PDB file of N, CA and C in Angstrom:
ATOM      1  N   MET A   1      -7.807   5.216  14.190  1.00  0.00           N
ATOM      2  CA  MET A   1      -7.863   4.212  13.138  1.00  0.00           C
ATOM      3  C   MET A   1      -7.532   4.871  11.805  1.00  0.00           C
ATOM      4  N   ILE A   2      -6.591   4.306  11.108  1.00  0.00           N
ATOM      5  CA  ILE A   2      -6.190   4.846   9.809  1.00  0.00           C
ATOM      6  C   ILE A   2      -7.119   4.294   8.729  1.00  0.00           C
ATOM      7  N   LYS A   3      -7.453   5.144   7.767  1.00  0.00           N
ATOM      8  CA  LYS A   3      -8.318   4.686   6.687  1.00  0.00           C
ATOM      9  C   LYS A   3      -7.983   5.416   5.395  1.00  0.00           C
ATOM     10  N   ILE A   4      -8.503   4.900   4.300  1.00  0.00           N
ATOM     11  CA  ILE A   4      -8.315   5.545   3.003  1.00  0.00           C
ATOM     12  C   ILE A   4      -9.219   6.765   2.955  1.00  0.00           C
ATOM     13  N   THR A   5      -8.615   7.916   2.731  1.00  0.00           N
ATOM     14  CA  THR A   5      -9.382   9.160   2.697  1.00  0.00           C
ATOM     15  C   THR A   5      -9.443   9.762   1.299  1.00  0.00           C
ATOM     16  N   ASN A   6      -8.642   9.245   0.377  1.00  0.00           N
ATOM     17  CA  ASN A   6      -8.624   9.779  -0.980  1.00  0.00           C
ATOM     18  C   ASN A   6      -8.338   8.637  -1.939  1.00  0.00           C
ATOM     19  N   MET A   7      -9.309   8.308  -2.777  1.00  0.00           N
ATOM     20  CA  MET A   7      -9.152   7.192  -3.719  1.00  0.00           C
ATOM     21  C   MET A   7      -8.459   7.637  -5.009  1.00  0.00           C
ATOM     22  N   HIS A   8      -8.216   8.930  -5.175  1.00  0.00           N
ATOM     23  CA  HIS A   8      -7.511   9.459  -6.346  1.00  0.00           C
ATOM     24  C   HIS A   8      -8.148   8.986  -7.656  1.00  0.00           C
ATOM     25  N   GLY A   9      -9.463   8.917  -7.656  1.00  0.00           N
ATOM     26  CA  GLY A   9     -10.178   8.533  -8.873  1.00  0.00           C
ATOM     27  C   GLY A   9     -10.213   7.042  -9.143  1.00  0.00           C
ATOM     28  N   LEU A  10      -9.609   6.244  -8.280  1.00  0.00           N
ATOM     29  CA  LEU A  10      -9.616   4.790  -8.462  1.00  0.00           C
ATOM     30  C   LEU A  10     -10.866   4.192  -7.827  1.00  0.00           C
ATOM     31  N   THR A  11     -11.352   3.134  -8.409  1.00  0.00           N
ATOM     32  CA  THR A  11     -12.471   2.404  -7.832  1.00  0.00           C
ATOM     33  C   THR A  11     -11.937   1.161  -7.129  1.00  0.00           C
ATOM     34  N   LYS A  12     -12.813   0.492  -6.375  1.00  0.00           N
ATOM     35  CA  LYS A  12     -12.416  -0.771  -5.746  1.00  0.00           C
ATOM     36  C   LYS A  12     -11.995  -1.777  -6.808  1.00  0.00           C
ATOM     37  N   GLU A  13     -12.693  -1.768  -7.932  1.00  0.00           N
ATOM     38  CA  GLU A  13     -12.350  -2.688  -9.026  1.00  0.00           C
ATOM     39  C   GLU A  13     -10.975  -2.356  -9.613  1.00  0.00           C
ATOM     40  N   ASP A  14     -10.645  -1.073  -9.720  1.00  0.00           N
ATOM     41  CA  ASP A  14      -9.311  -0.679 -10.191  1.00  0.00           C
ATOM     42  C   ASP A  14      -8.230  -1.258  -9.271  1.00  0.00           C
ATOM     43  N   ILE A  15      -8.474  -1.186  -7.979  1.00  0.00           N
ATOM     44  CA  ILE A  15      -7.494  -1.668  -7.014  1.00  0.00           C
ATOM     45  C   ILE A  15      -7.380  -3.190  -7.089  1.00  0.00           C
ATOM     46  N   LYS A  16      -8.494  -3.878  -7.227  1.00  0.00           N
ATOM     47  CA  LYS A  16      -8.453  -5.339  -7.376  1.00  0.00           C
ATOM     48  C   LYS A  16      -7.712  -5.727  -8.653  1.00  0.00           C
ATOM     49  N   HIS A  17      -7.878  -4.931  -9.700  1.00  0.00           N
ATOM     50  CA  HIS A  17      -7.152  -5.167 -10.951  1.00  0.00           C
ATOM     51  C   HIS A  17      -5.642  -4.994 -10.720  1.00  0.00           C
ATOM     52  N   LYS A  18      -5.260  -3.969  -9.962  1.00  0.00           N
ATOM     53  CA  LYS A  18      -3.838  -3.738  -9.651  1.00  0.00           C
ATOM     54  C   LYS A  18      -3.257  -4.930  -8.888  1.00  0.00           C
ATOM     55  N   ILE A  19      -4.040  -5.502  -7.984  1.00  0.00           N
ATOM     56  CA  ILE A  19      -3.576  -6.670  -7.226  1.00  0.00           C
ATOM     57  C   ILE A  19      -3.323  -7.833  -8.174  1.00  0.00           C
ATOM     58  N   ARG A  20      -4.268  -8.090  -9.060  1.00  0.00           N
ATOM     59  CA  ARG A  20      -4.149  -9.223  -9.991  1.00  0.00           C
ATOM     60  C   ARG A  20      -3.003  -9.050 -10.972  1.00  0.00           C
ATOM     61  N   LYS A  21      -2.737  -7.822 -11.392  1.00  0.00           N
ATOM     62  CA  LYS A  21      -1.766  -7.576 -12.450  1.00  0.00           C
ATOM     63  C   LYS A  21      -0.357  -7.237 -11.969  1.00  0.00           C
ATOM     64  N   SER A  22      -0.177  -7.019 -10.678  1.00  0.00           N
ATOM     65  CA  SER A  22       1.158  -6.636 -10.205  1.00  0.00           C
ATOM     66  C   SER A  22       2.105  -7.832 -10.264  1.00  0.00           C
ATOM     67  N   ASN A  23       3.250  -7.617 -10.887  1.00  0.00           N
ATOM     68  CA  ASN A  23       4.269  -8.658 -11.033  1.00  0.00           C
ATOM     69  C   ASN A  23       5.314  -8.593  -9.927  1.00  0.00           C
ATOM     70  N   ASP A  24       5.404  -7.478  -9.267  1.00  0.00           N
ATOM     71  CA  ASP A  24       6.384  -7.271  -8.208  1.00  0.00           C
ATOM     72  C   ASP A  24       5.717  -7.582  -6.868  1.00  0.00           C
ATOM     73  N   ILE A  25       6.317  -8.449  -6.062  1.00  0.00           N
ATOM     74  CA  ILE A  25       5.720  -8.864  -4.789  1.00  0.00           C
ATOM     75  C   ILE A  25       5.519  -7.682  -3.845  1.00  0.00           C
ATOM     76  N   ARG A  26       6.451  -6.738  -3.864  1.00  0.00           N
ATOM     77  CA  ARG A  26       6.309  -5.571  -2.977  1.00  0.00           C
ATOM     78  C   ARG A  26       5.137  -4.696  -3.397  1.00  0.00           C
ATOM     79  N   GLU A  27       4.992  -4.513  -4.687  1.00  0.00           N
ATOM     80  CA  GLU A  27       3.851  -3.738  -5.193  1.00  0.00           C
ATOM     81  C   GLU A  27       2.551  -4.474  -4.862  1.00  0.00           C
ATOM     82  N   HIS A  28       2.552  -5.784  -5.032  1.00  0.00           N
ATOM     83  CA  HIS A  28       1.380  -6.604  -4.737  1.00  0.00           C
ATOM     84  C   HIS A  28       0.964  -6.434  -3.270  1.00  0.00           C
ATOM     85  N   GLU A  29       1.937  -6.487  -2.359  1.00  0.00           N
ATOM     86  CA  GLU A  29       1.663  -6.305  -0.930  1.00  0.00           C
ATOM     87  C   GLU A  29       1.013  -4.951  -0.653  1.00  0.00           C
ATOM     88  N   ARG A  30       1.498  -3.947  -1.313  1.00  0.00           N
ATOM     89  CA  ARG A  30       0.978  -2.595  -1.071  1.00  0.00           C
ATOM     90  C   ARG A  30      -0.464  -2.462  -1.539  1.00  0.00           C
ATOM     91  N   TRP A  31      -0.770  -3.069  -2.672  1.00  0.00           N
ATOM     92  CA  TRP A  31      -2.160  -3.029  -3.151  1.00  0.00           C
ATOM     93  C   TRP A  31      -3.069  -3.874  -2.262  1.00  0.00           C
ATOM     94  N   ILE A  32      -2.562  -5.003  -1.756  1.00  0.00           N
ATOM     95  CA  ILE A  32      -3.330  -5.808  -0.792  1.00  0.00           C
ATOM     96  C   ILE A  32      -3.626  -4.962   0.443  1.00  0.00           C
ATOM     97  N   CYS A  33      -2.630  -4.218   0.885  1.00  0.00           N
ATOM     98  CA  CYS A  33      -2.785  -3.343   2.038  1.00  0.00           C
ATOM     99  C   CYS A  33      -3.896  -2.318   1.799  1.00  0.00           C
ATOM    100  N   ILE A  34      -3.854  -1.648   0.667  1.00  0.00           N
ATOM    101  CA  ILE A  34      -4.853  -0.624   0.360  1.00  0.00           C
ATOM    102  C   ILE A  34      -6.237  -1.249   0.265  1.00  0.00           C
ATOM    103  N   ASN A  35      -6.341  -2.376  -0.412  1.00  0.00           N
ATOM    104  CA  ASN A  35      -7.633  -3.051  -0.539  1.00  0.00           C
ATOM    105  C   ASN A  35      -8.161  -3.488   0.822  1.00  0.00           C
ATOM    106  N   SER A  36      -7.288  -4.023   1.651  1.00  0.00           N
ATOM    107  CA  SER A  36      -7.710  -4.471   2.980  1.00  0.00           C
ATOM    108  C   SER A  36      -8.201  -3.306   3.826  1.00  0.00           C
ATOM    109  N   CYS A  37      -7.539  -2.177   3.700  1.00  0.00           N
ATOM    110  CA  CYS A  37      -7.960  -0.977   4.428  1.00  0.00           C
ATOM    111  C   CYS A  37      -9.349  -0.535   3.965  1.00  0.00           C
ATOM    112  N   ILE A  38      -9.572  -0.552   2.667  1.00  0.00           N
ATOM    113  CA  ILE A  38     -10.877  -0.190   2.118  1.00  0.00           C
ATOM    114  C   ILE A  38     -11.956  -1.150   2.635  1.00  0.00           C
ATOM    115  N   GLU A  39     -11.585  -2.426   2.781  1.00  0.00           N
ATOM    116  CA  GLU A  39     -12.522  -3.452   3.249  1.00  0.00           C
ATOM    117  C   GLU A  39     -12.819  -3.321   4.749  1.00  0.00           C
ATOM    118  N   GLY A  40     -12.076  -2.438   5.447  1.00  0.00           N
ATOM    119  CA  GLY A  40     -12.368  -2.188   6.852  1.00  0.00           C
ATOM    120  C   GLY A  40     -11.400  -2.804   7.844  1.00  0.00           C
ATOM    121  N   TYR A  41     -10.341  -3.442   7.355  1.00  0.00           N
ATOM    122  CA  TYR A  41      -9.340  -3.999   8.263  1.00  0.00           C
ATOM    123  C   TYR A  41      -8.517  -2.872   8.879  1.00  0.00           C
ATOM    124  N   THR A  42      -8.061  -3.085  10.086  1.00  0.00           N
ATOM    125  CA  THR A  42      -7.222  -2.097  10.769  1.00  0.00           C
ATOM    126  C   THR A  42      -5.758  -2.318  10.396  1.00  0.00           C
ATOM    127  N   ALA A  43      -4.921  -1.331  10.698  1.00  0.00           N
ATOM    128  CA  ALA A  43      -3.490  -1.455  10.414  1.00  0.00           C
ATOM    129  C   ALA A  43      -2.877  -2.675  11.107  1.00  0.00           C
ATOM    130  N   PRO A  44      -3.185  -2.953  12.390  1.00  0.00           N
ATOM    131  CA  PRO A  44      -2.627  -4.151  13.019  1.00  0.00           C
ATOM    132  C   PRO A  44      -3.087  -5.445  12.326  1.00  0.00           C
ATOM    133  N   GLU A  45      -4.337  -5.485  11.892  1.00  0.00           N
ATOM    134  CA  GLU A  45      -4.841  -6.677  11.203  1.00  0.00           C
ATOM    135  C   GLU A  45      -4.141  -6.871   9.857  1.00  0.00           C
ATOM    136  N   ILE A  46      -3.979  -5.782   9.121  1.00  0.00           N
ATOM    137  CA  ILE A  46      -3.313  -5.863   7.817  1.00  0.00           C
ATOM    138  C   ILE A  46      -1.856  -6.289   8.012  1.00  0.00           C
ATOM    139  N   ALA A  47      -1.212  -5.724   9.020  1.00  0.00           N
ATOM    140  CA  ALA A  47       0.181  -6.089   9.308  1.00  0.00           C
ATOM    141  C   ALA A  47       0.300  -7.588   9.561  1.00  0.00           C
ATOM    142  N   CYS A  48      -0.652  -8.147  10.273  1.00  0.00           N
ATOM    143  CA  CYS A  48      -0.663  -9.586  10.543  1.00  0.00           C
ATOM    144  C   CYS A  48      -0.885 -10.385   9.254  1.00  0.00           C
ATOM    145  N   ILE A  49      -1.800  -9.929   8.429  1.00  0.00           N
ATOM    146  CA  ILE A  49      -2.144 -10.636   7.195  1.00  0.00           C
ATOM    147  C   ILE A  49      -0.935 -10.736   6.264  1.00  0.00           C
ATOM    148  N   ILE A  50      -0.210  -9.622   6.086  1.00  0.00           N
ATOM    149  CA  ILE A  50       0.890  -9.639   5.109  1.00  0.00           C
ATOM    150  C   ILE A  50       2.266  -9.690   5.764  1.00  0.00           C
ATOM    151  N   ASP A  51       2.278  -9.878   7.067  1.00  0.00           N
ATOM    152  CA  ASP A  51       3.522 -10.060   7.814  1.00  0.00           C
ATOM    153  C   ASP A  51       4.483  -8.886   7.633  1.00  0.00           C
ATOM    154  N   ARG A  52       3.957  -7.706   7.893  1.00  0.00           N
ATOM    155  CA  ARG A  52       4.747  -6.467   7.857  1.00  0.00           C
ATOM    156  C   ARG A  52       4.537  -5.711   9.156  1.00  0.00           C
ATOM    157  N   ASP A  53       5.438  -4.797   9.429  1.00  0.00           N
ATOM    158  CA  ASP A  53       5.334  -3.955  10.609  1.00  0.00           C
ATOM    159  C   ASP A  53       4.124  -3.033  10.486  1.00  0.00           C
ATOM    160  N   GLU A  54       3.465  -2.811  11.600  1.00  0.00           N
ATOM    161  CA  GLU A  54       2.280  -1.947  11.602  1.00  0.00           C
ATOM    162  C   GLU A  54       2.594  -0.539  11.094  1.00  0.00           C
ATOM    163  N   GLN A  55       3.765  -0.004  11.443  1.00  0.00           N
ATOM    164  CA  GLN A  55       4.129   1.336  10.971  1.00  0.00           C
ATOM    165  C   GLN A  55       4.296   1.356   9.458  1.00  0.00           C
ATOM    166  N   THR A  56       4.800   0.280   8.884  1.00  0.00           N
ATOM    167  CA  THR A  56       4.931   0.180   7.432  1.00  0.00           C
ATOM    168  C   THR A  56       3.558   0.286   6.781  1.00  0.00           C
ATOM    169  N   ILE A  57       2.582  -0.399   7.355  1.00  0.00           N
ATOM    170  CA  ILE A  57       1.204  -0.357   6.838  1.00  0.00           C
ATOM    171  C   ILE A  57       0.688   1.078   6.896  1.00  0.00           C
ATOM    172  N   ARG A  58       0.899   1.726   8.014  1.00  0.00           N
ATOM    173  CA  ARG A  58       0.447   3.117   8.153  1.00  0.00           C
ATOM    174  C   ARG A  58       1.135   4.027   7.129  1.00  0.00           C
ATOM    175  N   ASP A  59       2.421   3.801   6.907  1.00  0.00           N
ATOM    176  CA  ASP A  59       3.162   4.598   5.919  1.00  0.00           C
ATOM    177  C   ASP A  59       2.598   4.405   4.524  1.00  0.00           C
ATOM    178  N   TRP A  60       2.293   3.169   4.156  1.00  0.00           N
ATOM    179  CA  TRP A  60       1.737   2.894   2.825  1.00  0.00           C
ATOM    180  C   TRP A  60       0.367   3.560   2.653  1.00  0.00           C
ATOM    181  N   ILE A  61      -0.472   3.459   3.662  1.00  0.00           N
ATOM    182  CA  ILE A  61      -1.815   4.052   3.576  1.00  0.00           C
ATOM    183  C   ILE A  61      -1.708   5.572   3.510  1.00  0.00           C
ATOM    184  N   THR A  62      -0.846   6.146   4.341  1.00  0.00           N
ATOM    185  CA  THR A  62      -0.639   7.599   4.316  1.00  0.00           C
ATOM    186  C   THR A  62      -0.096   8.030   2.955  1.00  0.00           C
ATOM    187  N   GLY A  63       0.878   7.302   2.435  1.00  0.00           N
ATOM    188  CA  GLY A  63       1.436   7.617   1.118  1.00  0.00           C
ATOM    189  C   GLY A  63       0.385   7.575   0.028  1.00  0.00           C
ATOM    190  N   PHE A  64      -0.480   6.559   0.078  1.00  0.00           N
ATOM    191  CA  PHE A  64      -1.551   6.462  -0.911  1.00  0.00           C
ATOM    192  C   PHE A  64      -2.535   7.615  -0.758  1.00  0.00           C
ATOM    193  N   ASN A  65      -2.925   7.931   0.469  1.00  0.00           N
ATOM    194  CA  ASN A  65      -3.861   9.039   0.693  1.00  0.00           C
ATOM    195  C   ASN A  65      -3.306  10.357   0.161  1.00  0.00           C
ATOM    196  N   GLU A  66      -2.019  10.573   0.349  1.00  0.00           N
ATOM    197  CA  GLU A  66      -1.411  11.833  -0.065  1.00  0.00           C
ATOM    198  C   GLU A  66      -1.099  11.904  -1.559  1.00  0.00           C
ATOM    199  N   ASP A  67      -0.577  10.809  -2.115  1.00  0.00           N
ATOM    200  CA  ASP A  67      -0.058  10.862  -3.483  1.00  0.00           C
ATOM    201  C   ASP A  67      -0.589   9.794  -4.422  1.00  0.00           C
ATOM    202  N   GLY A  68      -1.573   9.028  -3.997  1.00  0.00           N
ATOM    203  CA  GLY A  68      -2.138   7.995  -4.866  1.00  0.00           C
ATOM    204  C   GLY A  68      -1.129   6.924  -5.219  1.00  0.00           C
ATOM    205  N   ILE A  69      -1.143   6.488  -6.471  1.00  0.00           N
ATOM    206  CA  ILE A  69      -0.244   5.435  -6.938  1.00  0.00           C
ATOM    207  C   ILE A  69       1.214   5.807  -6.684  1.00  0.00           C
ATOM    208  N   GLU A  70       1.559   7.043  -6.905  1.00  0.00           N
ATOM    209  CA  GLU A  70       2.942   7.496  -6.682  1.00  0.00           C
ATOM    210  C   GLU A  70       3.361   7.297  -5.226  1.00  0.00           C
ATOM    211  N   GLY A  71       2.426   7.423  -4.313  1.00  0.00           N
ATOM    212  CA  GLY A  71       2.723   7.251  -2.892  1.00  0.00           C
ATOM    213  C   GLY A  71       3.023   5.824  -2.499  1.00  0.00           C
ATOM    214  N   LEU A  72       2.724   4.878  -3.385  1.00  0.00           N
ATOM    215  CA  LEU A  72       2.998   3.467  -3.111  1.00  0.00           C
ATOM    216  C   LEU A  72       4.286   2.974  -3.748  1.00  0.00           C
ATOM    217  N   LYS A  73       4.883   3.776  -4.583  1.00  0.00           N
ATOM    218  CA  LYS A  73       6.101   3.333  -5.269  1.00  0.00           C
ATOM    219  C   LYS A  73       7.245   3.192  -4.291  1.00  0.00           C
ATOM    220  N   ARG A  74       8.088   2.227  -4.589  1.00  0.00           N
ATOM    221  CA  ARG A  74       9.241   1.966  -3.735  1.00  0.00           C
ATOM    222  C   ARG A  74      10.257   3.077  -3.845  1.00  0.00           C
ATOM    223  N   GLU A  75      10.799   3.429  -2.702  1.00  0.00           N
ATOM    224  CA  GLU A  75      11.908   4.380  -2.691  1.00  0.00           C
ATOM    225  C   GLU A  75      13.195   3.574  -2.737  1.00  0.00           C
ATOM    226  N   ASN A  76      14.197   4.130  -3.391  1.00  0.00           N
ATOM    227  CA  ASN A  76      15.501   3.465  -3.383  1.00  0.00           C
ATOM    228  C   ASN A  76      16.070   3.524  -1.985  1.00  0.00           C
ATOM    229  N   PRO A  77      16.646   2.426  -1.520  1.00  0.00           N
ATOM    230  CA  PRO A  77      17.206   2.440  -0.166  1.00  0.00           C
ATOM    231  C   PRO A  77      18.333   3.461  -0.043  1.00  0.00           C
ATOM    232  N   LYS A  78      18.386   4.089   1.097  1.00  0.00           N
ATOM    233  CA  LYS A  78      19.446   5.063   1.346  1.00  0.00           C
ATOM    234  C   LYS A  78      20.731   4.310   1.678  1.00  0.00           C
ATOM    235  N   GLY A  79      21.831   4.893   1.337  1.00  0.00           N
ATOM    236  CA  GLY A  79      23.106   4.266   1.632  1.00  0.00           C
ATOM    237  C   GLY A  79      24.100   4.526   0.522  1.00  0.00           C
ATOM    238  N   LYS A  80      25.138   3.747   0.529  1.00  0.00           N
ATOM    239  CA  LYS A  80      26.199   3.914  -0.451  1.00  0.00           C
ATOM    240  C   LYS A  80      25.713   3.552  -1.845  1.00  0.00           C
ATOM    241  N   LYS A  81      25.954   4.446  -2.796  1.00  0.00           N
ATOM    242  CA  LYS A  81      25.571   4.191  -4.173  1.00  0.00           C
ATOM    243  C   LYS A  81      26.658   3.382  -4.858  1.00  0.00           C
ATOM    244  N   LYS A  82      26.232   2.541  -5.781  1.00  0.00           N
ATOM    245  CA  LYS A  82      27.198   1.769  -6.558  1.00  0.00           C
ATOM    246  C   LYS A  82      27.838   2.676  -7.593  1.00  0.00           C
ATOM    247  N   ASP A  83      29.116   2.443  -7.868  1.00  0.00           N
ATOM    248  CA  ASP A  83      29.831   3.245  -8.870  1.00  0.00           C
ATOM    249  C   ASP A  83      29.539   2.755 -10.264  1.00  0.00           C
TER     250      ASP A  83
END
């Protein structure tokens, strides 16, 4: 079972604030994921709640555990760059 192992100095209230204030839907989903994990939901349950792949949920939680907020930031998609 995957869980939050490092809060990086954030409180549950900080995370709830991030959910309320996020303007980007992808960022919002990631904070919902982290909050749900803290609340005790499993990766399969969270995946069902936000309609994402279970591995994506695990990646987000792992990224947060390792790098905090930076671990949740979107990576630019790989592929051909625009000129």
